[in-house]
Amino acid sequence: MSKNQKGEAVFLISQVMTTKEASKLWGISDSHLRNMLNRFKKFDNQIERGLVRKSESTWLVTDMAMREVLGEQPTNSGKKYINKDK
């Protein structure tokens, strides 16, 4: 991540993904990830900082936001994330 002249976060396109892509990489369901964004407000800090945003009806998340909330991406796709809150 870098910042532009206004101080806003700037990401490479390869660092930005839909919730469907992110959920596959982190081994969780897309609906659970969307619930974390909408209902449970787990990503509010990342939204405020520009690491996550909604484009029309599609949530876009960065790799950095996913790592901050859910930890590192599991090494195999079948492994579930470890809840950092517990």
C-alpha atoms as a PDB file:
ATOM      1  CA  MET A   1       0.000   0.000   0.000  1.00  0.00           C
ATOM      2  CA  SER A   2       1.090   3.526  -0.695  1.00  0.00           C
ATOM      3  CA  LYS A   3      -0.619   6.878  -0.340  1.00  0.00           C
ATOM      4  CA  ASN A   4      -1.510   9.510  -2.917  1.00  0.00           C
ATOM      5  CA  GLN A   5      -0.938  13.251  -2.558  1.00  0.00           C
ATOM      6  CA  LYS A   6      -4.169  13.580  -0.550  1.00  0.00           C
ATOM      7  CA  GLY A   7      -2.970  10.937   1.909  1.00  0.00           C
ATOM      8  CA  GLU A   8      -5.487   8.341   0.724  1.00  0.00           C
ATOM      9  CA  ALA A   9      -4.549   4.658   0.571  1.00  0.00           C
ATOM     10  CA  VAL A  10      -3.637   3.415  -2.908  1.00  0.00           C
ATOM     11  CA  PHE A  11      -3.568  -0.306  -3.739  1.00  0.00           C
ATOM     12  CA  LEU A  12      -2.560  -2.378  -6.717  1.00  0.00           C
ATOM     13  CA  ILE A  13      -5.551  -3.998  -8.404  1.00  0.00           C
ATOM     14  CA  SER A  14      -4.133  -7.398  -7.414  1.00  0.00           C
ATOM     15  CA  GLN A  15      -4.545  -6.396  -3.751  1.00  0.00           C
ATOM     16  CA  VAL A  16      -8.292  -5.695  -4.114  1.00  0.00           C
ATOM     17  CA  MET A  17     -10.921  -8.445  -4.351  1.00  0.00           C
ATOM     18  CA  THR A  18     -14.620  -9.107  -4.024  1.00  0.00           C
ATOM     19  CA  THR A  19     -16.003 -10.826  -0.952  1.00  0.00           C
ATOM     20  CA  LYS A  20     -16.509 -13.957  -3.048  1.00  0.00           C
ATOM     21  CA  GLU A  21     -12.802 -14.070  -3.958  1.00  0.00           C
ATOM     22  CA  ALA A  22     -11.697 -13.252  -0.401  1.00  0.00           C
ATOM     23  CA  SER A  23     -13.993 -15.840   1.169  1.00  0.00           C
ATOM     24  CA  LYS A  24     -12.501 -18.580  -1.004  1.00  0.00           C
ATOM     25  CA  LEU A  25      -8.958 -17.547  -0.080  1.00  0.00           C
ATOM     26  CA  TRP A  26      -9.710 -17.438   3.659  1.00  0.00           C
ATOM     27  CA  GLY A  27     -11.856 -20.589   3.674  1.00  0.00           C
ATOM     28  CA  ILE A  28     -15.101 -19.011   4.865  1.00  0.00           C
ATOM     29  CA  SER A  29     -18.472 -18.580   3.190  1.00  0.00           C
ATOM     30  CA  ASP A  30     -19.201 -15.457   1.193  1.00  0.00           C
ATOM     31  CA  SER A  31     -22.377 -14.875   3.223  1.00  0.00           C
ATOM     32  CA  HIS A  32     -20.416 -15.014   6.501  1.00  0.00           C
ATOM     33  CA  LEU A  33     -17.916 -12.451   5.216  1.00  0.00           C
ATOM     34  CA  ARG A  34     -20.715 -10.165   4.016  1.00  0.00           C
ATOM     35  CA  ASN A  35     -22.389 -10.510   7.441  1.00  0.00           C
ATOM     36  CA  MET A  36     -19.106  -9.484   9.056  1.00  0.00           C
ATOM     37  CA  LEU A  37     -19.170  -6.361   6.876  1.00  0.00           C
ATOM     38  CA  ASN A  38     -22.864  -5.500   7.165  1.00  0.00           C
ATOM     39  CA  ARG A  39     -24.310  -6.829  10.405  1.00  0.00           C
ATOM     40  CA  PHE A  40     -21.402  -7.459  12.742  1.00  0.00           C
ATOM     41  CA  LYS A  41     -19.388  -4.348  11.802  1.00  0.00           C
ATOM     42  CA  LYS A  42     -16.073  -6.243  12.019  1.00  0.00           C
ATOM     43  CA  PHE A  43     -14.534  -4.118   9.239  1.00  0.00           C
ATOM     44  CA  ASP A  44     -15.648  -0.645  10.373  1.00  0.00           C
ATOM     45  CA  ASN A  45     -12.087   0.490  11.119  1.00  0.00           C
ATOM     46  CA  GLN A  46     -10.896  -0.761   7.723  1.00  0.00           C
ATOM     47  CA  ILE A  47     -13.815   0.963   5.956  1.00  0.00           C
ATOM     48  CA  GLU A  48     -12.961   4.223   7.704  1.00  0.00           C
ATOM     49  CA  ARG A  49      -9.328   3.899   6.611  1.00  0.00           C
ATOM     50  CA  GLY A  50     -10.211   3.142   2.965  1.00  0.00           C
ATOM     51  CA  LEU A  51      -9.157  -0.519   3.030  1.00  0.00           C
ATOM     52  CA  VAL A  52     -12.713  -1.695   2.291  1.00  0.00           C
ATOM     53  CA  ARG A  53     -15.494  -0.058   0.327  1.00  0.00           C
ATOM     54  CA  LYS A  54     -18.768  -0.838  -1.345  1.00  0.00           C
ATOM     55  CA  SER A  55     -19.105  -0.266  -5.093  1.00  0.00           C
ATOM     56  CA  GLU A  56     -22.805  -0.324  -5.971  1.00  0.00           C
ATOM     57  CA  SER A  57     -23.912  -3.588  -4.317  1.00  0.00           C
ATOM     58  CA  THR A  58     -20.470  -5.236  -4.310  1.00  0.00           C
ATOM     59  CA  TRP A  59     -18.085  -5.087  -1.362  1.00  0.00           C
ATOM     60  CA  LEU A  60     -14.411  -4.655  -2.302  1.00  0.00           C
ATOM     61  CA  VAL A  61     -11.850  -5.675   0.298  1.00  0.00           C
ATOM     62  CA  THR A  62      -8.087  -5.431   0.343  1.00  0.00           C
ATOM     63  CA  ASP A  63      -5.692  -8.165   1.310  1.00  0.00           C
ATOM     64  CA  MET A  64      -4.520  -5.898   4.154  1.00  0.00           C
ATOM     65  CA  ALA A  65      -8.050  -5.541   5.575  1.00  0.00           C
ATOM     66  CA  MET A  66      -8.599  -9.294   5.457  1.00  0.00           C
ATOM     67  CA  ARG A  67      -5.319  -9.956   7.276  1.00  0.00           C
ATOM     68  CA  GLU A  68      -6.103  -7.334   9.932  1.00  0.00           C
ATOM     69  CA  VAL A  69      -9.522  -8.804  10.745  1.00  0.00           C
ATOM     70  CA  LEU A  70      -9.097 -12.525  10.021  1.00  0.00           C
ATOM     71  CA  GLY A  71      -5.354 -13.073  10.266  1.00  0.00           C
ATOM     72  CA  GLU A  72      -3.094 -14.495   7.609  1.00  0.00           C
ATOM     73  CA  GLN A  73      -4.606 -16.376   4.703  1.00  0.00           C
ATOM     74  CA  PRO A  74      -4.708 -20.120   5.430  1.00  0.00           C
ATOM     75  CA  THR A  75      -2.121 -22.103   3.483  1.00  0.00           C
ATOM     76  CA  ASN A  76      -4.693 -24.633   2.254  1.00  0.00           C
ATOM     77  CA  SER A  77      -8.141 -23.661   1.027  1.00  0.00           C
ATOM     78  CA  GLY A  78      -9.940 -26.121   3.318  1.00  0.00           C
ATOM     79  CA  LYS A  79      -8.585 -24.607   6.540  1.00  0.00           C
ATOM     80  CA  LYS A  80     -10.846 -22.167   8.339  1.00  0.00           C
ATOM     81  CA  TYR A  81      -9.556 -18.874   9.675  1.00  0.00           C
ATOM     82  CA  ILE A  82      -8.728 -18.548  13.363  1.00  0.00           C
ATOM     83  CA  ASN A  83     -10.984 -16.020  15.073  1.00  0.00           C
ATOM     84  CA  LYS A  84      -8.626 -13.435  16.520  1.00  0.00           C
ATOM     85  CA  ASP A  85     -11.326 -12.234  18.967  1.00  0.00           C
ATOM     86  CA  LYS A  86     -11.266 -15.483  20.962  1.00  0.00           C
END
